[in-house]
Each structure stands twice: as C-alpha cells, then as structure tokens.
C-alpha cells in the first residue's frame, strides 16, 4: 500500500487520518539502532488491522515481520518491543542481512 505519490507523507499524519476514518491502527517506531542499520532511530511505520501500511522502519528489510506483529498488537491492545539483527535467525529469515541491528517499538493507537 506504500505508493509513490504519498511516499513522503508523515506516518503520523496518515495515522491521524486513518484513526479519523475509524480504522484500528498501530505505530511502529525505530527506537535504537546499531551498526549498519537501514533506517535511523525515529523512523516510523503506521499499520492498520488489515495489514495496510505507510512509512518504513527498515527500508524493506523487516517490514513484513513488523506488520505481522503490529496486527497482533492491534488485536491484543498490548505494545511490543521487537529486535532484529544479523545474529538473530529471524533477521536472516526476514531479510536483515545488512550487518546492523534495530529495535522497534510497536504500539496500538486509539
């Protein structure tokens, strides 16, 4: 759902619009990076309950895993801290082989 015409739109603006439309949403934010991480701390991704998303937390490396976790966060209404890195088997499976590690906080938004 990440389209070129709105690729530079702030995920927080999109989150506000989606919430205004009555969508259940979660916000994923990079809170820490180490090494050669693809996105810096503060990068964000907004996700709705159907898995639609805008923004980026890893330049595509781990977005799929973050989106899946975000849908669970929306359902449970409980925030979650995620970590991905090259030493983590999950990171290789989802494509984070760039040599860095990232920590992503995923929270439901009312």
C-alpha atoms as a PDB file:
ATOM      1  CA  UNK A   1       0.000   0.000   0.000  1.00  0.00           C
ATOM      2  CA  UNK A   2       3.084   2.232   0.152  1.00  0.00           C
ATOM      3  CA  UNK A   3       2.610   4.286  -3.016  1.00  0.00           C
ATOM      4  CA  UNK A   4       4.979   6.794  -4.671  1.00  0.00           C
ATOM      5  CA  UNK A   5       2.544   9.710  -4.555  1.00  0.00           C
ATOM      6  CA  UNK A   6       2.431   9.626  -0.747  1.00  0.00           C
ATOM      7  CA  UNK A   7       5.861   8.139  -0.025  1.00  0.00           C
ATOM      8  CA  UNK A   8       6.952  11.400   1.634  1.00  0.00           C
ATOM      9  CA  UNK A   9       3.823  11.800   3.782  1.00  0.00           C
ATOM     10  CA  UNK A  10       4.471  11.736   7.518  1.00  0.00           C
ATOM     11  CA  UNK A  11       3.269   8.434   9.043  1.00  0.00           C
ATOM     12  CA  UNK A  12       1.807  10.399  11.973  1.00  0.00           C
ATOM     13  CA  UNK A  13      -0.384  12.396   9.578  1.00  0.00           C
ATOM     14  CA  UNK A  14      -1.517   9.151   7.972  1.00  0.00           C
ATOM     15  CA  UNK A  15      -2.179   7.628  11.416  1.00  0.00           C
ATOM     16  CA  UNK A  16      -4.364  10.617  12.324  1.00  0.00           C
ATOM     17  CA  UNK A  17      -6.304  10.322   9.055  1.00  0.00           C
ATOM     18  CA  UNK A  18      -6.770   6.571   9.423  1.00  0.00           C
ATOM     19  CA  UNK A  19      -7.890   6.926  13.043  1.00  0.00           C
ATOM     20  CA  UNK A  20     -10.330   9.620  11.907  1.00  0.00           C
ATOM     21  CA  UNK A  21     -11.732   7.092   9.427  1.00  0.00           C
ATOM     22  CA  UNK A  22     -12.339   4.668  12.314  1.00  0.00           C
ATOM     23  CA  UNK A  23      -9.516   2.282  11.443  1.00  0.00           C
ATOM     24  CA  UNK A  24      -7.740   0.357  14.188  1.00  0.00           C
ATOM     25  CA  UNK A  25      -4.041   1.177  13.887  1.00  0.00           C
ATOM     26  CA  UNK A  26      -0.615   0.613  15.360  1.00  0.00           C
ATOM     27  CA  UNK A  27       2.520   2.706  15.123  1.00  0.00           C
ATOM     28  CA  UNK A  28       5.978   1.141  14.831  1.00  0.00           C
ATOM     29  CA  UNK A  29       8.943   3.362  15.701  1.00  0.00           C
ATOM     30  CA  UNK A  30      12.666   2.604  15.449  1.00  0.00           C
ATOM     31  CA  UNK A  31      13.931   3.364  18.961  1.00  0.00           C
ATOM     32  CA  UNK A  32      17.525   2.145  18.683  1.00  0.00           C
ATOM     33  CA  UNK A  33      19.997   1.103  16.001  1.00  0.00           C
ATOM     34  CA  UNK A  34      23.456  -0.472  15.996  1.00  0.00           C
ATOM     35  CA  UNK A  35      25.913  -0.884  13.147  1.00  0.00           C
ATOM     36  CA  UNK A  36      24.739  -0.601   9.570  1.00  0.00           C
ATOM     37  CA  UNK A  37      21.015  -0.173  10.195  1.00  0.00           C
ATOM     38  CA  UNK A  38      18.984   0.802   7.110  1.00  0.00           C
ATOM     39  CA  UNK A  39      16.821   3.453   8.875  1.00  0.00           C
ATOM     40  CA  UNK A  40      17.655   5.787  11.740  1.00  0.00           C
ATOM     41  CA  UNK A  41      16.011   5.991  15.154  1.00  0.00           C
ATOM     42  CA  UNK A  42      12.702   7.840  14.886  1.00  0.00           C
ATOM     43  CA  UNK A  43      11.692   6.234  11.575  1.00  0.00           C
ATOM     44  CA  UNK A  44       8.043   5.171  11.682  1.00  0.00           C
ATOM     45  CA  UNK A  45       5.544   2.836  10.074  1.00  0.00           C
ATOM     46  CA  UNK A  46       1.771   3.041  10.570  1.00  0.00           C
ATOM     47  CA  UNK A  47      -0.218  -0.178  10.133  1.00  0.00           C
ATOM     48  CA  UNK A  48      -3.960  -0.894  10.173  1.00  0.00           C
ATOM     49  CA  UNK A  49      -5.751  -4.072  11.251  1.00  0.00           C
ATOM     50  CA  UNK A  50      -5.869  -5.377   7.653  1.00  0.00           C
ATOM     51  CA  UNK A  51      -2.096  -5.028   7.253  1.00  0.00           C
ATOM     52  CA  UNK A  52      -2.162  -1.868   5.138  1.00  0.00           C
ATOM     53  CA  UNK A  53       0.859   0.293   5.924  1.00  0.00           C
ATOM     54  CA  UNK A  54       2.688   3.526   5.178  1.00  0.00           C
ATOM     55  CA  UNK A  55       6.208   4.566   6.120  1.00  0.00           C
ATOM     56  CA  UNK A  56       9.295   2.469   6.795  1.00  0.00           C
ATOM     57  CA  UNK A  57      11.322   1.180   9.706  1.00  0.00           C
ATOM     58  CA  UNK A  58      13.960  -0.727   7.766  1.00  0.00           C
ATOM     59  CA  UNK A  59      13.895   0.187   4.105  1.00  0.00           C
ATOM     60  CA  UNK A  60      12.030  -3.056   3.413  1.00  0.00           C
ATOM     61  CA  UNK A  61      14.300  -5.448   5.341  1.00  0.00           C
ATOM     62  CA  UNK A  62      11.910  -6.369   8.164  1.00  0.00           C
ATOM     63  CA  UNK A  63       8.672  -4.561   7.323  1.00  0.00           C
ATOM     64  CA  UNK A  64       6.772  -7.820   6.763  1.00  0.00           C
ATOM     65  CA  UNK A  65       7.632  -9.111  10.239  1.00  0.00           C
ATOM     66  CA  UNK A  66       6.844  -5.737  11.848  1.00  0.00           C
ATOM     67  CA  UNK A  67       3.479  -5.552  10.058  1.00  0.00           C
ATOM     68  CA  UNK A  68       2.535  -9.058  11.219  1.00  0.00           C
ATOM     69  CA  UNK A  69       3.475  -8.175  14.818  1.00  0.00           C
ATOM     70  CA  UNK A  70       1.563  -4.871  14.548  1.00  0.00           C
ATOM     71  CA  UNK A  71      -1.642  -6.677  13.568  1.00  0.00           C
ATOM     72  CA  UNK A  72      -1.216  -8.796  16.734  1.00  0.00           C
ATOM     73  CA  UNK A  73      -0.590  -5.628  18.765  1.00  0.00           C
ATOM     74  CA  UNK A  74      -3.825  -4.114  17.431  1.00  0.00           C
ATOM     75  CA  UNK A  75      -5.747  -7.271  18.368  1.00  0.00           C
ATOM     76  CA  UNK A  76      -4.234  -7.581  21.858  1.00  0.00           C
ATOM     77  CA  UNK A  77      -4.022  -3.810  22.541  1.00  0.00           C
ATOM     78  CA  UNK A  78      -0.615  -4.509  24.138  1.00  0.00           C
ATOM     79  CA  UNK A  79       2.563  -2.788  22.913  1.00  0.00           C
ATOM     80  CA  UNK A  80       5.594  -4.858  21.991  1.00  0.00           C
ATOM     81  CA  UNK A  81       9.340  -4.264  21.596  1.00  0.00           C
ATOM     82  CA  UNK A  82      10.902  -6.047  18.620  1.00  0.00           C
ATOM     83  CA  UNK A  83      14.601  -6.571  17.902  1.00  0.00           C
ATOM     84  CA  UNK A  84      16.186  -7.630  14.631  1.00  0.00           C
ATOM     85  CA  UNK A  85      19.860  -8.193  13.896  1.00  0.00           C
ATOM     86  CA  UNK A  86      22.217 -10.329  11.853  1.00  0.00           C
ATOM     87  CA  UNK A  87      22.910 -12.622  14.803  1.00  0.00           C
ATOM     88  CA  UNK A  88      19.191 -13.328  15.078  1.00  0.00           C
ATOM     89  CA  UNK A  89      17.897 -16.178  12.894  1.00  0.00           C
ATOM     90  CA  UNK A  90      14.652 -14.238  12.479  1.00  0.00           C
ATOM     91  CA  UNK A  91      16.540 -11.308  10.948  1.00  0.00           C
ATOM     92  CA  UNK A  92      18.073 -13.517   8.258  1.00  0.00           C
ATOM     93  CA  UNK A  93      14.685 -15.056   7.547  1.00  0.00           C
ATOM     94  CA  UNK A  94      13.043 -11.645   7.065  1.00  0.00           C
ATOM     95  CA  UNK A  95      15.961 -10.152   5.136  1.00  0.00           C
ATOM     96  CA  UNK A  96      18.027  -8.043   7.568  1.00  0.00           C
ATOM     97  CA  UNK A  97      21.441  -9.136   6.373  1.00  0.00           C
ATOM     98  CA  UNK A  98      22.956  -5.639   6.101  1.00  0.00           C
ATOM     99  CA  UNK A  99      25.104  -6.025   9.209  1.00  0.00           C
ATOM    100  CA  UNK A 100      23.034  -3.866  11.564  1.00  0.00           C
ATOM    101  CA  UNK A 101      20.528  -4.322  14.326  1.00  0.00           C
ATOM    102  CA  UNK A 102      17.368  -2.397  15.060  1.00  0.00           C
ATOM    103  CA  UNK A 103      14.934  -2.179  17.962  1.00  0.00           C
ATOM    104  CA  UNK A 104      11.338  -1.287  17.018  1.00  0.00           C
ATOM    105  CA  UNK A 105       8.571  -0.344  19.469  1.00  0.00           C
ATOM    106  CA  UNK A 106       5.084  -1.231  18.214  1.00  0.00           C
ATOM    107  CA  UNK A 107       2.120   0.361  19.979  1.00  0.00           C
ATOM    108  CA  UNK A 108      -1.626   0.370  19.384  1.00  0.00           C
ATOM    109  CA  UNK A 109      -3.196   3.788  18.847  1.00  0.00           C
ATOM    110  CA  UNK A 110      -6.721   4.586  19.945  1.00  0.00           C
END
